Every structure is written in structure tokens, then in C-alpha cells.
Amino acid sequence: MFTLFLGKRSVKNMQEVLEIDLEGYQRLFRTLFKQGIYIPPSAHEAWFISAAHTEEHLIRTKDAVISFLEMETY
């Protein structure tokens, strides 16, 4: 289980959570969804990895997230 917060290098408290880039997360959600990668629709939800995910799924997701972040210049 993990969470990606966009627009902040680290998040240590609720105030910093309120400062994350919600619009950026929605762009990430839509970008990955179009690629068949389903992540939580809210930036405040955790992502879960399960035994059903193969190494290929994880690598594909990692590559798609990195590509998005490079495109968004985070």
C-alpha cells in the first residue's frame, strides 16, 4: 500500500496534504486510465498492490507514472 502526492517532495502532516496538486493527480488518473491502468480516483486514497499483480503489471505502471511525471515536469 502506498500513496503518490503530486506537487510536494514529501508530506509530513495534514497541512501539507492540503497543498498537493489535486488537478495534477486527476491528469495522472485520466492518463493511466486511458492506458488500462486503474488507480484510485482520489489523490487522498492509497494504492494497493496484491498477489494478482504480476511483475509486468508493476513495471508497466511504473513506466507509465514516470512518463507522466516527465511530461508534467514534476
Protein backbone atom coordinates (compact mmCIF):
# COMPACT_ATOMS: atom_id res chain seq x y z
CA MET A 1 0.00 0.00 0.00
CA PHE A 2 1.32 3.45 -0.91
CA THR A 3 0.20 6.91 -1.99
CA LEU A 4 1.55 9.39 -4.53
CA PHE A 5 1.23 13.04 -3.63
CA LEU A 6 1.96 15.35 -6.56
CA GLY A 7 3.45 18.79 -6.14
CA LYS A 8 5.27 18.05 -2.87
CA ARG A 9 8.59 16.30 -2.31
CA SER A 10 7.35 14.92 0.98
CA VAL A 11 4.17 15.12 3.03
CA LYS A 12 4.53 15.04 6.79
CA ASN A 13 1.26 16.47 8.07
CA MET A 14 -2.31 17.33 7.12
CA GLN A 15 -1.42 20.90 6.16
CA GLU A 16 0.99 19.57 3.55
CA VAL A 17 -1.68 17.16 2.27
CA LEU A 18 -3.91 20.18 1.66
CA GLU A 19 -1.17 21.70 -0.53
CA ILE A 20 -0.82 18.80 -3.01
CA ASP A 21 -1.63 19.18 -6.71
CA LEU A 22 -5.14 17.72 -6.99
CA GLU A 23 -5.56 18.75 -10.63
CA GLY A 24 -2.26 17.07 -11.47
CA TYR A 25 -3.44 13.88 -9.80
CA GLN A 26 -6.62 13.95 -11.86
CA ARG A 27 -4.49 14.28 -15.01
CA LEU A 28 -2.44 11.27 -13.82
CA PHE A 29 -5.62 9.30 -13.15
CA ARG A 30 -7.02 10.04 -16.63
CA THR A 31 -3.69 9.34 -18.35
CA LEU A 32 -3.29 5.95 -16.68
CA PHE A 33 -6.98 5.07 -17.08
CA LYS A 34 -6.67 5.57 -20.85
CA GLN A 35 -3.81 3.04 -20.76
CA GLY A 36 -5.92 0.50 -18.86
CA ILE A 37 -4.18 1.15 -15.55
CA TYR A 38 -6.70 1.69 -12.76
CA ILE A 39 -5.53 3.75 -9.78
CA PRO A 40 -7.63 5.32 -7.02
CA PRO A 41 -9.61 8.25 -8.45
CA SER A 42 -8.85 10.42 -5.40
CA ALA A 43 -5.40 11.73 -4.50
CA HIS A 44 -6.27 11.01 -0.87
CA GLU A 45 -6.66 7.24 -1.35
CA ALA A 46 -3.99 4.58 -1.05
CA TRP A 47 -2.84 2.42 -3.93
CA PHE A 48 -2.82 -1.33 -3.23
CA ILE A 49 -0.55 -3.97 -4.73
CA SER A 50 -1.77 -7.55 -4.50
CA ALA A 51 -0.69 -11.04 -5.43
CA ALA A 52 -2.84 -10.67 -8.55
CA HIS A 53 -0.38 -8.09 -9.94
CA THR A 54 2.43 -9.55 -11.97
CA GLU A 55 5.89 -8.06 -12.29
CA GLU A 56 4.85 -6.99 -15.79
CA HIS A 57 1.85 -5.06 -14.38
CA LEU A 58 4.08 -3.29 -11.88
CA ILE A 59 6.73 -2.38 -14.44
CA ARG A 60 4.10 -1.13 -16.89
CA THR A 61 2.53 1.02 -14.18
CA LYS A 62 5.92 2.36 -13.04
CA ASP A 63 6.86 3.25 -16.61
CA ALA A 64 3.51 4.98 -17.21
CA VAL A 65 3.82 7.02 -14.00
CA ILE A 66 7.40 8.04 -14.80
CA SER A 67 6.39 9.01 -18.34
CA PHE A 68 3.57 11.15 -16.94
CA LEU A 69 5.84 12.82 -14.41
CA GLU A 70 8.44 13.61 -17.08
CA MET A 71 5.73 15.08 -19.29
CA GLU A 72 4.38 17.18 -16.40
CA THR A 73 7.89 18.25 -15.32
CA TYR A 74 7.46 17.33 -11.67
